[in-house]
Amino acid sequence: MSNHNFGSIFQAVCDGSQREWTDEEKALVLSNPLLLNQLQGWLESNLSDGCWHSANYKLIQPKSCIANSNTFSADADIHIPF
């Protein structure tokens, strides 16, 4: 895991570009529980800033939120509440 990948993941959120993470970045997030946890915390604390790409939001959305949603569908559009 390179520092470049970590940096590019965070930059995609904080620079306002709403860039979707690359497949390599997504794999890194999903294979690193600590990073995933940090991103989930960041998501919860600054969701209203409008910097999250919907695909990135969907990837790191806490699984408990998905499991508790009666209306969640894999084909449904993701609504980011901001």
Protein backbone atom coordinates (compact mmCIF):
# COMPACT_ATOMS: atom_id res chain seq x y z
CA MET A 1 0.00 0.00 0.00
CA SER A 2 1.50 3.26 -1.02
CA ASN A 3 1.08 6.62 0.63
CA HIS A 4 0.09 7.94 -2.80
CA ASN A 5 -3.04 5.74 -2.78
CA PHE A 6 -4.00 6.88 0.71
CA GLY A 7 -3.45 10.50 -0.26
CA SER A 8 -5.45 10.21 -3.45
CA ILE A 9 -8.38 8.64 -1.59
CA PHE A 10 -8.56 11.52 0.87
CA GLN A 11 -7.95 14.11 -1.84
CA ALA A 12 -10.91 12.76 -3.82
CA VAL A 13 -13.12 13.63 -0.85
CA CYS A 14 -11.62 16.86 0.44
CA ASP A 15 -10.82 18.72 -2.80
CA GLY A 16 -14.47 19.12 -3.77
CA SER A 17 -14.03 17.34 -7.11
CA GLN A 18 -16.39 14.51 -6.11
CA ARG A 19 -14.13 12.17 -8.10
CA GLU A 20 -15.05 8.51 -7.90
CA TRP A 21 -12.24 6.40 -6.49
CA THR A 22 -10.34 4.15 -8.87
CA ASP A 23 -10.71 0.37 -8.63
CA GLU A 24 -7.29 0.24 -6.94
CA GLU A 25 -8.37 2.82 -4.35
CA LYS A 26 -11.65 0.98 -3.70
CA ALA A 27 -9.77 -2.30 -3.18
CA LEU A 28 -7.44 -0.56 -0.73
CA VAL A 29 -10.36 0.85 1.26
CA LEU A 30 -12.15 -2.50 1.42
CA SER A 31 -9.01 -4.41 2.40
CA ASN A 32 -8.03 -2.03 5.19
CA PRO A 33 -10.55 -2.00 8.08
CA LEU A 34 -8.79 0.87 9.86
CA LEU A 35 -8.92 3.07 6.75
CA LEU A 36 -12.56 2.12 6.16
CA ASN A 37 -13.39 3.03 9.76
CA GLN A 38 -11.62 6.39 9.44
CA LEU A 39 -13.48 7.18 6.23
CA GLN A 40 -16.81 6.21 7.80
CA GLY A 41 -16.09 8.58 10.69
CA TRP A 42 -15.17 11.33 8.26
CA LEU A 43 -18.33 10.67 6.26
CA GLU A 44 -20.50 10.96 9.37
CA SER A 45 -18.81 14.16 10.55
CA ASN A 46 -18.78 16.11 7.28
CA LEU A 47 -21.48 14.68 5.05
CA SER A 48 -23.07 18.09 4.57
CA ASP A 49 -20.01 19.58 2.87
CA GLY A 50 -21.04 18.08 -0.49
CA CYS A 51 -17.67 16.53 -1.32
CA TRP A 52 -18.67 12.87 -1.38
CA HIS A 53 -19.15 11.15 -4.73
CA SER A 54 -22.22 8.90 -4.51
CA ALA A 55 -20.20 5.79 -5.45
CA ASN A 56 -17.67 6.49 -2.70
CA TYR A 57 -20.49 7.16 -0.24
CA LYS A 58 -22.12 3.84 -1.17
CA LEU A 59 -18.82 1.98 -0.77
CA ILE A 60 -18.10 3.16 2.76
CA GLN A 61 -21.63 3.62 4.07
CA PRO A 62 -21.76 1.69 7.34
CA LYS A 63 -23.20 -1.75 6.67
CA SER A 64 -25.57 -1.34 9.61
CA CYS A 65 -27.24 1.54 7.76
CA ILE A 66 -27.76 -0.67 4.74
CA ALA A 67 -28.99 -3.64 6.76
CA ASN A 68 -31.48 -1.48 8.67
CA SER A 69 -32.93 0.12 5.56
CA ASN A 70 -36.17 -1.46 4.39
CA THR A 71 -36.07 0.50 1.15
CA PHE A 72 -32.50 -0.24 0.10
CA SER A 73 -32.07 -1.77 -3.30
CA ALA A 74 -28.81 -2.46 -5.11
CA ASP A 75 -30.31 -0.75 -8.17
CA ALA A 76 -31.66 2.24 -6.26
CA ASP A 77 -30.05 5.65 -6.56
CA ILE A 78 -28.07 6.58 -3.48
CA HIS A 79 -29.43 9.64 -1.71
CA ILE A 80 -26.78 11.57 0.15
CA PRO A 81 -28.59 13.63 2.79
CA PHE A 82 -27.19 17.14 2.40
